[in-house]
């Protein structure tokens, strides 16, 4: 089952798969227009953190991070289709 959800993330770029995987403790490297960032729930101040250039941005949920988190001044949810998925840990 887990492998099917990972495939859904990479094959369909499913936001639901992303939310589930991060909520289950997985971590993901991503990039947008050359800016790399890292999503994790391990050791986060709140429930999930986004790390950009060694700076932590904490959110109460993955959904909040998608709606409120920004890369280069743009909300993650607005640039989701342009984000390049990297390694899933």
Protein backbone atom coordinates (compact mmCIF):
# COMPACT_ATOMS: atom_id res chain seq x y z
CA UNK A 1 0.00 0.00 0.00
CA UNK A 2 2.75 2.42 1.00
CA UNK A 3 4.54 1.90 -2.32
CA UNK A 4 1.33 2.69 -4.22
CA UNK A 5 1.04 6.03 -2.44
CA UNK A 6 4.69 6.84 -3.19
CA UNK A 7 4.03 6.01 -6.85
CA UNK A 8 0.97 8.26 -6.79
CA UNK A 9 3.11 11.13 -5.50
CA UNK A 10 5.75 10.77 -8.19
CA UNK A 11 3.57 9.62 -11.12
CA UNK A 12 0.58 11.91 -10.59
CA UNK A 13 2.12 14.52 -8.30
CA UNK A 14 -0.80 13.94 -5.98
CA UNK A 15 -1.20 16.51 -3.21
CA UNK A 16 -3.19 13.94 -1.20
CA UNK A 17 -0.28 11.47 -1.43
CA UNK A 18 2.15 14.23 -0.39
CA UNK A 19 0.02 15.15 2.63
CA UNK A 20 -0.32 11.51 3.70
CA UNK A 21 3.37 10.68 3.30
CA UNK A 22 4.60 13.73 5.21
CA UNK A 23 1.96 13.17 7.91
CA UNK A 24 3.26 9.61 8.28
CA UNK A 25 6.77 10.86 9.00
CA UNK A 26 8.34 10.79 5.54
CA UNK A 27 10.63 13.65 4.44
CA UNK A 28 10.96 15.11 0.97
CA UNK A 29 13.52 17.19 -0.88
CA UNK A 30 12.00 19.53 -3.46
CA UNK A 31 12.99 22.48 -5.62
CA UNK A 32 11.36 25.41 -7.36
CA UNK A 33 13.18 27.54 -9.94
CA UNK A 34 16.55 26.46 -8.56
CA UNK A 35 15.60 27.04 -4.90
CA UNK A 36 15.95 23.80 -2.94
CA UNK A 37 13.91 23.11 0.17
CA UNK A 38 13.20 20.22 2.49
CA UNK A 39 9.93 19.15 4.16
CA UNK A 40 9.97 17.18 7.41
CA UNK A 41 7.96 16.47 10.53
CA UNK A 42 10.98 15.08 12.41
CA UNK A 43 12.03 17.48 15.17
CA UNK A 44 9.70 20.20 13.92
CA UNK A 45 8.71 23.02 16.27
CA UNK A 46 5.09 22.36 15.29
CA UNK A 47 3.86 19.39 13.25
CA UNK A 48 5.74 20.01 10.00
CA UNK A 49 8.65 22.18 8.91
CA UNK A 50 9.94 23.52 5.64
CA UNK A 51 13.68 24.20 5.58
CA UNK A 52 15.05 26.76 3.13
CA UNK A 53 18.73 27.76 3.28
CA UNK A 54 19.10 26.30 6.81
CA UNK A 55 16.11 28.33 8.07
CA UNK A 56 13.09 26.54 9.52
CA UNK A 57 9.50 27.56 8.80
CA UNK A 58 7.09 25.62 11.05
CA UNK A 59 3.41 24.87 10.47
CA UNK A 60 0.70 23.13 12.46
CA UNK A 61 -0.17 20.80 9.57
CA UNK A 62 0.89 19.82 6.07
CA UNK A 63 -2.28 21.49 4.77
CA UNK A 64 -1.33 24.76 6.51
CA UNK A 65 2.15 24.53 5.05
CA UNK A 66 0.74 24.14 1.53
CA UNK A 67 -1.58 27.12 1.97
CA UNK A 68 0.72 29.42 3.97
CA UNK A 69 4.27 28.32 3.16
CA UNK A 70 6.10 30.30 0.52
CA UNK A 71 9.00 29.76 -1.83
CA UNK A 72 10.33 32.86 -3.54
CA UNK A 73 7.23 34.79 -2.45
CA UNK A 74 4.77 32.24 -3.88
CA UNK A 75 2.46 29.95 -1.92
CA UNK A 76 3.34 26.25 -2.21
CA UNK A 77 -0.19 25.37 -3.27
CA UNK A 78 0.02 27.90 -6.14
CA UNK A 79 3.30 26.52 -7.49
CA UNK A 80 2.69 22.83 -6.76
CA UNK A 81 2.65 21.84 -10.44
CA UNK A 82 5.98 23.61 -11.04
CA UNK A 83 7.78 22.12 -8.03
CA UNK A 84 10.31 19.39 -8.81
CA UNK A 85 10.12 16.45 -6.45
CA UNK A 86 13.43 15.12 -5.19
CA UNK A 87 14.32 12.32 -2.83
CA UNK A 88 11.71 10.93 -0.46
CA UNK A 89 13.22 9.73 2.83
